[in-house]
Amino acid sequence: MASDLTARLAATVRAARTERNMSVSAFAQFAGVSRAMISKIERAEVQPTAVLLARLSSALGLTLSELISRAEQDRPRVSRAGAQPEWTDPVSGYRRRAVSPSAGGPVELVEVCLPPGARVDMEEGTYAFVSQQIWVLEGHLRFHEGDLVHELDRGDCLQLGAPAPCAFVNPAQTECRYLVVVAKLRT
């Protein structure tokens, strides 16, 4: 049985797709995902990975945080620590907590915990319409940005450059915790 958040994400993806008058086929092609997978996600039959959710949100013109926030029932301006939605990637164990209130705004704060040895790859299209900074709170993060590799330790902050394929890697034996600041670019 699907978790409550998985079911709400399914409904949110379906609603966002239909708001844009996109067929399942067109959405699947634009997101680079099979029609069958789109159907499974929209029926809450599978829990999508971080990479898959990033592809879907990008194809919908949303940030990952916006997609998850839309799945929330209410849109308060205060985001209480105990009520902040947390999502775990079933493949990598990557945990993502939406810190910002779901009321929306031009900036989003996302806390990420990356387990030891974990790697999460993101395609360049994921970052096409946002500006991001990564601030390491604990541990060590190896961030691949195209051909560049950034070694980031506690307190280090990186402004991402032009969209490029990226990888978040934790080469350490301890968890890495970092904050991602996302600003949606005006289109």
N, C-alpha and C. Protein backbone atom coordinates (compact mmCIF):
# COMPACT_ATOMS: atom_id res chain seq x y z
N MET A 1 0.85 -1.19 0.00
CA MET A 1 0.00 0.00 0.00
C MET A 1 0.89 1.25 0.00
N ALA A 2 0.51 2.23 -0.76
CA ALA A 2 1.29 3.46 -0.89
C ALA A 2 1.22 4.28 0.39
N SER A 3 2.34 4.95 0.73
CA SER A 3 2.32 5.86 1.87
C SER A 3 1.44 7.05 1.51
N ASP A 4 1.05 7.79 2.53
CA ASP A 4 0.20 8.95 2.31
C ASP A 4 0.88 9.96 1.40
N LEU A 5 2.18 10.20 1.62
CA LEU A 5 2.90 11.17 0.80
C LEU A 5 3.03 10.66 -0.64
N THR A 6 3.27 9.36 -0.82
CA THR A 6 3.37 8.79 -2.17
C THR A 6 2.05 8.97 -2.91
N ALA A 7 0.94 8.72 -2.22
CA ALA A 7 -0.38 8.88 -2.84
C ALA A 7 -0.64 10.34 -3.21
N ARG A 8 -0.25 11.27 -2.32
CA ARG A 8 -0.45 12.70 -2.62
C ARG A 8 0.47 13.15 -3.75
N LEU A 9 1.70 12.61 -3.79
CA LEU A 9 2.60 12.93 -4.90
C LEU A 9 2.02 12.44 -6.22
N ALA A 10 1.43 11.25 -6.21
CA ALA A 10 0.82 10.69 -7.41
C ALA A 10 -0.28 11.62 -7.92
N ALA A 11 -1.14 12.05 -7.03
CA ALA A 11 -2.23 12.95 -7.41
C ALA A 11 -1.70 14.30 -7.89
N THR A 12 -0.64 14.78 -7.26
CA THR A 12 -0.04 16.07 -7.62
C THR A 12 0.59 16.01 -9.01
N VAL A 13 1.32 14.93 -9.29
CA VAL A 13 1.93 14.77 -10.61
C VAL A 13 0.85 14.72 -11.69
N ARG A 14 -0.18 13.92 -11.45
CA ARG A 14 -1.28 13.80 -12.42
C ARG A 14 -1.96 15.15 -12.63
N ALA A 15 -2.24 15.89 -11.55
CA ALA A 15 -2.91 17.19 -11.65
C ALA A 15 -2.03 18.19 -12.40
N ALA A 16 -0.73 18.23 -12.09
CA ALA A 16 0.17 19.17 -12.76
C ALA A 16 0.28 18.84 -14.25
N ARG A 17 0.30 17.55 -14.57
CA ARG A 17 0.36 17.14 -15.97
C ARG A 17 -0.90 17.56 -16.71
N THR A 18 -2.07 17.32 -16.12
CA THR A 18 -3.32 17.67 -16.80
C THR A 18 -3.52 19.18 -16.87
N GLU A 19 -3.04 19.94 -15.86
CA GLU A 19 -3.10 21.41 -15.91
C GLU A 19 -2.36 21.93 -17.14
N ARG A 20 -1.32 21.22 -17.55
CA ARG A 20 -0.50 21.63 -18.69
C ARG A 20 -0.98 20.99 -20.00
N ASN A 21 -2.13 20.32 -19.93
CA ASN A 21 -2.71 19.65 -21.10
C ASN A 21 -1.70 18.70 -21.76
N MET A 22 -0.95 17.97 -20.94
CA MET A 22 0.02 17.02 -21.45
C MET A 22 -0.55 15.61 -21.38
N SER A 23 -0.45 14.89 -22.46
CA SER A 23 -0.84 13.48 -22.43
C SER A 23 0.23 12.70 -21.66
N VAL A 24 -0.11 11.49 -21.26
CA VAL A 24 0.88 10.65 -20.59
C VAL A 24 2.06 10.42 -21.52
N SER A 25 1.78 10.19 -22.80
CA SER A 25 2.85 9.95 -23.78
C SER A 25 3.79 11.16 -23.91
N ALA A 26 3.21 12.35 -24.03
CA ALA A 26 4.03 13.56 -24.17
C ALA A 26 4.84 13.80 -22.91
N PHE A 27 4.22 13.62 -21.75
CA PHE A 27 4.91 13.82 -20.49
C PHE A 27 6.05 12.82 -20.35
N ALA A 28 5.79 11.57 -20.68
CA ALA A 28 6.81 10.53 -20.59
C ALA A 28 7.99 10.86 -21.49
N GLN A 29 7.71 11.30 -22.71
CA GLN A 29 8.78 11.63 -23.65
C GLN A 29 9.59 12.82 -23.15
N PHE A 30 8.90 13.88 -22.68
CA PHE A 30 9.58 15.08 -22.21
C PHE A 30 10.44 14.78 -20.97
N ALA A 31 9.95 13.90 -20.09
CA ALA A 31 10.66 13.56 -18.86
C ALA A 31 11.72 12.48 -19.07
N GLY A 32 11.67 11.81 -20.24
CA GLY A 32 12.62 10.74 -20.49
C GLY A 32 12.32 9.50 -19.67
N VAL A 33 11.03 9.23 -19.47
CA VAL A 33 10.56 8.11 -18.64
C VAL A 33 9.54 7.33 -19.46
N SER A 34 9.41 6.06 -19.21
CA SER A 34 8.44 5.26 -19.96
C SER A 34 7.01 5.64 -19.58
N ARG A 35 6.09 5.43 -20.51
CA ARG A 35 4.66 5.65 -20.25
C ARG A 35 4.20 4.77 -19.09
N ALA A 36 4.67 3.54 -19.07
CA ALA A 36 4.28 2.60 -18.01
C ALA A 36 4.69 3.13 -16.64
N MET A 37 5.90 3.70 -16.55
CA MET A 37 6.35 4.24 -15.27
C MET A 37 5.51 5.45 -14.86
N ILE A 38 5.19 6.32 -15.81
CA ILE A 38 4.33 7.48 -15.50
C ILE A 38 3.00 6.99 -14.95
N SER A 39 2.42 6.00 -15.60
CA SER A 39 1.13 5.46 -15.15
C SER A 39 1.23 4.87 -13.75
N LYS A 40 2.31 4.13 -13.47
CA LYS A 40 2.50 3.55 -12.13
C LYS A 40 2.64 4.64 -11.08
N ILE A 41 3.39 5.69 -11.42
CA ILE A 41 3.58 6.80 -10.47
C ILE A 41 2.26 7.49 -10.21
N GLU A 42 1.50 7.78 -11.26
CA GLU A 42 0.22 8.49 -11.10
C GLU A 42 -0.83 7.65 -10.39
N ARG A 43 -0.65 6.33 -10.37
CA ARG A 43 -1.56 5.45 -9.62
C ARG A 43 -1.00 5.11 -8.24
N ALA A 44 0.15 5.69 -7.89
CA ALA A 44 0.82 5.46 -6.60
C ALA A 44 1.18 4.00 -6.41
N GLU A 45 1.53 3.33 -7.50
CA GLU A 45 1.94 1.93 -7.42
C GLU A 45 3.42 1.77 -7.14
N VAL A 46 4.19 2.84 -7.36
CA VAL A 46 5.62 2.82 -7.07
C VAL A 46 6.00 4.11 -6.35
N GLN A 47 7.04 4.01 -5.53
CA GLN A 47 7.59 5.21 -4.90
C GLN A 47 8.75 5.65 -5.77
N PRO A 48 8.63 6.81 -6.42
CA PRO A 48 9.70 7.26 -7.33
C PRO A 48 10.98 7.61 -6.58
N THR A 49 12.10 7.44 -7.26
CA THR A 49 13.40 7.80 -6.71
C THR A 49 13.60 9.31 -6.81
N ALA A 50 14.65 9.81 -6.19
CA ALA A 50 14.98 11.24 -6.26
C ALA A 50 15.24 11.66 -7.70
N VAL A 51 15.96 10.84 -8.44
CA VAL A 51 16.29 11.17 -9.82
C VAL A 51 15.02 11.22 -10.67
N LEU A 52 14.13 10.27 -10.46
CA LEU A 52 12.89 10.23 -11.23
C LEU A 52 12.00 11.42 -10.88
N LEU A 53 11.87 11.74 -9.60
CA LEU A 53 11.06 12.91 -9.21
C LEU A 53 11.65 14.19 -9.79
N ALA A 54 12.97 14.29 -9.83
CA ALA A 54 13.61 15.48 -10.40
C ALA A 54 13.30 15.60 -11.89
N ARG A 55 13.31 14.47 -12.60
CA ARG A 55 12.96 14.48 -14.03
C ARG A 55 11.52 14.93 -14.23
N LEU A 56 10.62 14.38 -13.41
CA LEU A 56 9.20 14.71 -13.54
C LEU A 56 8.95 16.19 -13.23
N SER A 57 9.55 16.67 -12.13
CA SER A 57 9.32 18.07 -11.77
C SER A 57 9.87 19.00 -12.84
N SER A 58 11.04 18.67 -13.38
CA SER A 58 11.63 19.49 -14.43
C SER A 58 10.74 19.51 -15.67
N ALA A 59 10.21 18.35 -16.05
CA ALA A 59 9.32 18.27 -17.22
C ALA A 59 8.04 19.07 -17.00
N LEU A 60 7.67 19.26 -15.74
CA LEU A 60 6.47 20.04 -15.41
C LEU A 60 6.80 21.52 -15.18
N GLY A 61 8.08 21.89 -15.23
CA GLY A 61 8.47 23.28 -15.00
C GLY A 61 8.42 23.65 -13.52
N LEU A 62 8.60 22.66 -12.65
CA LEU A 62 8.56 22.88 -11.21
C LEU A 62 9.89 22.45 -10.60
N THR A 63 10.22 23.01 -9.45
CA THR A 63 11.36 22.47 -8.71
C THR A 63 10.87 21.24 -7.96
N LEU A 64 11.80 20.43 -7.51
CA LEU A 64 11.45 19.25 -6.73
C LEU A 64 10.70 19.66 -5.47
N SER A 65 11.14 20.75 -4.85
CA SER A 65 10.47 21.25 -3.64
C SER A 65 9.03 21.67 -3.94
N GLU A 66 8.82 22.34 -5.07
CA GLU A 66 7.46 22.75 -5.43
C GLU A 66 6.56 21.54 -5.63
N LEU A 67 7.07 20.53 -6.28
CA LEU A 67 6.27 19.32 -6.51
C LEU A 67 5.88 18.68 -5.18
N ILE A 68 6.84 18.54 -4.28
CA ILE A 68 6.54 17.94 -2.98
C ILE A 68 5.63 18.85 -2.17
N SER A 69 5.87 20.16 -2.21
CA SER A 69 5.02 21.10 -1.47
C SER A 69 3.58 21.06 -1.95
N ARG A 70 3.38 20.92 -3.26
CA ARG A 70 2.02 20.83 -3.79
C ARG A 70 1.29 19.59 -3.28
N ALA A 71 2.05 18.58 -2.93
CA ALA A 71 1.45 17.36 -2.41
C ALA A 71 0.95 17.54 -0.98
N GLU A 72 1.38 18.59 -0.33
CA GLU A 72 0.93 18.87 1.04
C GLU A 72 -0.49 19.44 1.01
N GLN A 73 -1.26 19.13 2.01
CA GLN A 73 -2.68 19.53 2.06
C GLN A 73 -2.88 21.03 2.28
N ASP A 74 -2.17 21.60 3.21
CA ASP A 74 -2.37 23.03 3.50
C ASP A 74 -1.11 23.79 3.10
N ARG A 75 -1.21 25.09 3.09
CA ARG A 75 -0.07 25.91 2.68
C ARG A 75 0.20 26.99 3.73
N PRO A 76 0.69 26.58 4.90
CA PRO A 76 0.99 27.57 5.94
C PRO A 76 2.24 28.37 5.61
N ARG A 77 2.35 29.54 6.25
CA ARG A 77 3.54 30.37 6.06
C ARG A 77 4.63 30.01 7.04
N VAL A 78 4.29 29.25 8.08
CA VAL A 78 5.28 28.79 9.06
C VAL A 78 5.45 27.29 8.87
N SER A 79 6.67 26.87 8.80
CA SER A 79 6.97 25.45 8.64
C SER A 79 7.56 24.93 9.95
N ARG A 80 6.73 24.25 10.73
CA ARG A 80 7.16 23.71 12.02
C ARG A 80 8.06 22.49 11.81
N ALA A 81 9.12 22.40 12.58
CA ALA A 81 10.11 21.33 12.41
C ALA A 81 9.46 19.95 12.36
N GLY A 82 8.50 19.69 13.22
CA GLY A 82 7.87 18.38 13.29
C GLY A 82 6.93 18.09 12.14
N ALA A 83 6.57 19.10 11.37
CA ALA A 83 5.61 18.92 10.28
C ALA A 83 6.26 19.04 8.90
N GLN A 84 7.55 19.26 8.85
CA GLN A 84 8.23 19.41 7.56
C GLN A 84 8.28 18.06 6.85
N PRO A 85 7.79 18.01 5.63
CA PRO A 85 7.76 16.73 4.93
C PRO A 85 9.16 16.22 4.62
N GLU A 86 9.35 14.95 4.93
CA GLU A 86 10.63 14.30 4.65
C GLU A 86 10.37 13.15 3.70
N TRP A 87 11.28 12.99 2.75
CA TRP A 87 11.15 11.94 1.76
C TRP A 87 12.49 11.23 1.65
N THR A 88 12.45 9.91 1.53
CA THR A 88 13.66 9.12 1.41
C THR A 88 13.68 8.39 0.08
N ASP A 89 14.78 8.53 -0.64
CA ASP A 89 14.97 7.84 -1.91
C ASP A 89 15.13 6.35 -1.61
N PRO A 90 14.27 5.51 -2.18
CA PRO A 90 14.34 4.08 -1.87
C PRO A 90 15.61 3.39 -2.37
N VAL A 91 16.33 4.00 -3.30
CA VAL A 91 17.54 3.38 -3.85
C VAL A 91 18.79 3.79 -3.07
N SER A 92 19.01 5.10 -2.92
CA SER A 92 20.26 5.58 -2.32
C SER A 92 20.18 5.82 -0.81
N GLY A 93 18.97 5.94 -0.29
CA GLY A 93 18.81 6.28 1.13
C GLY A 93 18.90 7.78 1.39
N TYR A 94 19.07 8.56 0.32
CA TYR A 94 19.11 10.03 0.39
C TYR A 94 17.82 10.50 1.05
N ARG A 95 17.93 11.32 2.11
CA ARG A 95 16.76 11.87 2.78
C ARG A 95 16.67 13.36 2.51
N ARG A 96 15.49 13.81 2.16
CA ARG A 96 15.26 15.19 1.78
C ARG A 96 14.13 15.76 2.62
N ARG A 97 14.39 16.86 3.29
CA ARG A 97 13.37 17.49 4.12
C ARG A 97 13.12 18.90 3.60
N ALA A 98 11.87 19.18 3.25
CA ALA A 98 11.48 20.51 2.78
C ALA A 98 11.33 21.41 4.00
N VAL A 99 12.28 22.30 4.20
CA VAL A 99 12.31 23.17 5.37
C VAL A 99 11.37 24.36 5.19
N SER A 100 11.31 24.88 3.97
CA SER A 100 10.51 26.08 3.70
C SER A 100 9.02 25.82 3.85
N PRO A 101 8.26 26.84 4.24
CA PRO A 101 6.80 26.70 4.27
C PRO A 101 6.26 26.38 2.88
N SER A 102 5.19 25.62 2.84
CA SER A 102 4.62 25.22 1.56
C SER A 102 3.79 26.31 0.91
N ALA A 103 3.72 27.48 1.55
CA ALA A 103 2.97 28.60 0.98
C ALA A 103 3.63 29.11 -0.30
N GLY A 104 4.85 28.72 -0.51
CA GLY A 104 5.54 29.13 -1.73
C GLY A 104 6.36 30.37 -1.52
N GLY A 105 6.97 30.82 -2.56
CA GLY A 105 7.84 31.99 -2.50
C GLY A 105 8.98 31.79 -3.48
N PRO A 106 9.80 32.79 -3.64
CA PRO A 106 10.86 32.70 -4.64
C PRO A 106 12.07 31.86 -4.21
N VAL A 107 12.17 31.55 -2.92
CA VAL A 107 13.31 30.81 -2.39
C VAL A 107 12.82 29.60 -1.61
N GLU A 108 13.51 28.48 -1.77
CA GLU A 108 13.18 27.27 -1.03
C GLU A 108 14.43 26.79 -0.30
N LEU A 109 14.24 26.27 0.91
CA LEU A 109 15.32 25.67 1.68
C LEU A 109 15.04 24.18 1.80
N VAL A 110 16.04 23.37 1.49
CA VAL A 110 15.89 21.93 1.53
C VAL A 110 17.09 21.34 2.28
N GLU A 111 16.82 20.56 3.32
CA GLU A 111 17.88 19.87 4.04
C GLU A 111 18.01 18.46 3.47
N VAL A 112 19.24 18.06 3.19
CA VAL A 112 19.49 16.74 2.63
C VAL A 112 20.48 16.00 3.52
N CYS A 113 20.20 14.72 3.75
CA CYS A 113 21.13 13.84 4.45
C CYS A 113 21.52 12.74 3.48
N LEU A 114 22.81 12.64 3.21
CA LEU A 114 23.33 11.67 2.26
C LEU A 114 24.11 10.62 3.05
N PRO A 115 23.66 9.36 3.01
CA PRO A 115 24.34 8.31 3.79
C PRO A 115 25.78 8.09 3.32
N PRO A 116 26.59 7.49 4.16
CA PRO A 116 27.97 7.17 3.77
C PRO A 116 27.98 6.33 2.50
N GLY A 117 28.86 6.69 1.56
CA GLY A 117 29.01 5.95 0.33
C GLY A 117 27.93 6.18 -0.72
N ALA A 118 26.94 6.99 -0.42
CA ALA A 118 25.82 7.19 -1.35
C ALA A 118 26.20 8.15 -2.48
N ARG A 119 25.54 7.94 -3.62
CA ARG A 119 25.72 8.81 -4.78
C ARG A 119 24.35 9.02 -5.42
N VAL A 120 24.03 10.28 -5.72
CA VAL A 120 22.79 10.62 -6.41
C VAL A 120 23.16 11.47 -7.62
N ASP A 121 22.83 10.97 -8.81
CA ASP A 121 23.11 11.68 -10.06
C ASP A 121 21.87 12.43 -10.51
N MET A 122 22.06 13.65 -10.96
CA MET A 122 20.98 14.47 -11.48
C MET A 122 21.35 14.98 -12.87
N GLU A 123 20.38 14.98 -13.77
CA GLU A 123 20.61 15.46 -15.13
C GLU A 123 20.61 16.98 -15.17
N GLU A 124 21.24 17.54 -16.18
CA GLU A 124 21.37 18.99 -16.26
C GLU A 124 20.03 19.70 -16.38
N GLY A 125 19.04 19.09 -17.00
CA GLY A 125 17.73 19.71 -17.15
C GLY A 125 17.04 19.97 -15.83
N THR A 126 17.44 19.24 -14.79
CA THR A 126 16.87 19.40 -13.46
C THR A 126 17.11 20.81 -12.92
N TYR A 127 18.21 21.43 -13.35
CA TYR A 127 18.60 22.74 -12.83
C TYR A 127 18.43 23.87 -13.84
N ALA A 128 17.69 23.62 -14.90
CA ALA A 128 17.60 24.58 -16.00
C ALA A 128 16.92 25.89 -15.62
N PHE A 129 16.03 25.88 -14.66
CA PHE A 129 15.27 27.09 -14.38
C PHE A 129 15.39 27.54 -12.92
N VAL A 130 16.48 27.12 -12.25
CA VAL A 130 16.69 27.51 -10.86
C VAL A 130 18.15 27.91 -10.64
N SER A 131 18.37 28.70 -9.61
CA SER A 131 19.71 29.02 -9.13
C SER A 131 19.83 28.33 -7.78
N GLN A 132 20.97 27.69 -7.52
CA GLN A 132 21.12 26.95 -6.26
C GLN A 132 22.45 27.21 -5.59
N GLN A 133 22.40 27.11 -4.26
CA GLN A 133 23.60 27.11 -3.45
C GLN A 133 23.52 25.90 -2.53
N ILE A 134 24.67 25.31 -2.27
CA ILE A 134 24.76 24.16 -1.37
C ILE A 134 25.65 24.58 -0.21
N TRP A 135 25.11 24.43 1.02
CA TRP A 135 25.85 24.77 2.24
C TRP A 135 25.99 23.51 3.07
N VAL A 136 27.20 23.02 3.26
CA VAL A 136 27.44 21.80 4.01
C VAL A 136 27.34 22.09 5.51
N LEU A 137 26.46 21.35 6.19
CA LEU A 137 26.24 21.53 7.62
C LEU A 137 27.06 20.54 8.44
N GLU A 138 27.19 19.30 7.94
CA GLU A 138 27.98 18.27 8.63
C GLU A 138 28.56 17.33 7.59
N GLY A 139 29.77 16.87 7.84
CA GLY A 139 30.37 15.86 6.97
C GLY A 139 31.09 16.44 5.78
N HIS A 140 31.22 15.60 4.76
CA HIS A 140 31.96 15.96 3.54
C HIS A 140 31.10 15.61 2.33
N LEU A 141 31.02 16.52 1.37
CA LEU A 141 30.27 16.31 0.14
C LEU A 141 31.20 16.48 -1.05
N ARG A 142 31.20 15.48 -1.91
CA ARG A 142 31.91 15.60 -3.19
C ARG A 142 30.82 15.88 -4.23
N PHE A 143 30.89 17.07 -4.80
CA PHE A 143 29.85 17.48 -5.74
C PHE A 143 30.45 17.59 -7.14
N HIS A 144 29.94 16.75 -8.03
CA HIS A 144 30.37 16.77 -9.43
C HIS A 144 29.42 17.69 -10.19
N GLU A 145 29.98 18.69 -10.85
CA GLU A 145 29.21 19.66 -11.63
C GLU A 145 29.80 19.66 -13.03
N GLY A 146 29.22 18.83 -13.90
CA GLY A 146 29.84 18.64 -15.21
C GLY A 146 31.21 18.02 -15.02
N ASP A 147 32.24 18.65 -15.57
CA ASP A 147 33.62 18.15 -15.43
C ASP A 147 34.31 18.63 -14.14
N LEU A 148 33.69 19.56 -13.43
CA LEU A 148 34.27 20.07 -12.18
C LEU A 148 33.91 19.17 -11.01
N VAL A 149 34.84 19.03 -10.07
CA VAL A 149 34.57 18.30 -8.84
C VAL A 149 34.88 19.24 -7.68
N HIS A 150 33.88 19.45 -6.82
CA HIS A 150 34.03 20.33 -5.66
C HIS A 150 34.07 19.46 -4.40
N GLU A 151 35.10 19.60 -3.60
CA GLU A 151 35.20 18.91 -2.31
C GLU A 151 34.76 19.90 -1.25
N LEU A 152 33.62 19.63 -0.63
CA LEU A 152 33.03 20.58 0.31
C LEU A 152 32.97 19.98 1.72
N ASP A 153 33.43 20.76 2.69
CA ASP A 153 33.40 20.36 4.09
C ASP A 153 32.46 21.27 4.87
N ARG A 154 32.27 20.94 6.15
CA ARG A 154 31.38 21.69 7.01
C ARG A 154 31.64 23.19 6.91
N GLY A 155 30.57 23.95 6.64
CA GLY A 155 30.66 25.39 6.54
C GLY A 155 30.90 25.91 5.13
N ASP A 156 31.34 25.04 4.23
CA ASP A 156 31.57 25.46 2.84
C ASP A 156 30.24 25.67 2.13
N CYS A 157 30.21 26.67 1.25
CA CYS A 157 29.01 26.98 0.48
C CYS A 157 29.39 27.16 -0.98
N LEU A 158 28.65 26.49 -1.85
CA LEU A 158 28.93 26.53 -3.28
C LEU A 158 27.74 27.11 -4.03
N GLN A 159 28.00 28.08 -4.90
CA GLN A 159 26.99 28.59 -5.83
C GLN A 159 27.13 27.76 -7.10
N LEU A 160 26.07 27.08 -7.51
CA LEU A 160 26.13 26.27 -8.73
C LEU A 160 26.23 27.17 -9.94
N GLY A 161 26.94 26.67 -10.95
CA GLY A 161 27.11 27.40 -12.19
C GLY A 161 26.01 27.07 -13.17
N ALA A 162 26.33 27.17 -14.45
CA ALA A 162 25.36 26.88 -15.51
C ALA A 162 24.90 25.43 -15.40
N PRO A 163 23.67 25.14 -15.85
CA PRO A 163 23.17 23.77 -15.77
C PRO A 163 24.14 22.77 -16.39
N ALA A 164 24.39 21.69 -15.65
CA ALA A 164 25.28 20.61 -16.07
C ALA A 164 24.85 19.35 -15.36
N PRO A 165 25.17 18.18 -15.88
CA PRO A 165 24.89 16.96 -15.13
C PRO A 165 25.64 17.03 -13.80
N CYS A 166 24.98 16.65 -12.72
CA CYS A 166 25.57 16.76 -11.39
C CYS A 166 25.48 15.43 -10.65
N ALA A 167 26.37 15.27 -9.68
CA ALA A 167 26.32 14.11 -8.79
C ALA A 167 26.66 14.56 -7.39
N PHE A 168 25.84 14.13 -6.45
CA PHE A 168 26.08 14.36 -5.02
C PHE A 168 26.67 13.06 -4.49
N VAL A 169 27.89 13.11 -3.95
CA VAL A 169 28.57 11.90 -3.50
C VAL A 169 29.05 12.10 -2.07
N ASN A 170 28.82 11.10 -1.24
CA ASN A 170 29.37 11.12 0.11
C ASN A 170 30.43 10.02 0.20
N PRO A 171 31.72 10.40 0.04
CA PRO A 171 32.78 9.39 0.08
C PRO A 171 33.19 9.01 1.50
N ALA A 172 32.61 9.65 2.49
CA ALA A 172 33.03 9.47 3.88
C ALA A 172 32.32 8.27 4.54
N GLN A 173 32.75 7.97 5.75
CA GLN A 173 32.17 6.89 6.55
C GLN A 173 31.02 7.38 7.42
N THR A 174 30.77 8.70 7.40
CA THR A 174 29.69 9.29 8.20
C THR A 174 28.72 10.01 7.27
N GLU A 175 27.53 10.23 7.77
CA GLU A 175 26.49 10.92 6.98
C GLU A 175 26.93 12.35 6.65
N CYS A 176 26.51 12.83 5.51
CA CYS A 176 26.73 14.21 5.10
C CYS A 176 25.37 14.91 5.13
N ARG A 177 25.32 16.05 5.80
CA ARG A 177 24.08 16.82 5.87
C ARG A 177 24.35 18.19 5.29
N TYR A 178 23.49 18.61 4.35
CA TYR A 178 23.69 19.91 3.71
C TYR A 178 22.36 20.58 3.43
N LEU A 179 22.43 21.88 3.27
CA LEU A 179 21.25 22.69 2.95
C LEU A 179 21.37 23.15 1.51
N VAL A 180 20.30 22.97 0.76
CA VAL A 180 20.25 23.47 -0.60
C VAL A 180 19.29 24.66 -0.61
N VAL A 181 19.77 25.78 -1.10
CA VAL A 181 18.96 26.99 -1.25
C VAL A 181 18.62 27.08 -2.74
N VAL A 182 17.33 27.06 -3.03
CA VAL A 182 16.87 27.06 -4.42
C VAL A 182 16.09 28.34 -4.68
N ALA A 183 16.49 29.08 -5.69
CA ALA A 183 15.76 30.28 -6.12
C ALA A 183 15.28 30.04 -7.53
N LYS A 184 13.99 30.15 -7.75
CA LYS A 184 13.44 29.94 -9.08
C LYS A 184 13.76 31.17 -9.93
N LEU A 185 14.32 30.92 -11.11
CA LEU A 185 14.65 32.01 -12.02
C LEU A 185 13.38 32.47 -12.73
N ARG A 186 13.33 33.74 -13.01
CA ARG A 186 12.18 34.27 -13.74
C ARG A 186 12.28 33.83 -15.19
N THR A 187 11.15 33.42 -15.74
CA THR A 187 11.15 32.99 -17.14
C THR A 187 10.42 33.97 -18.01
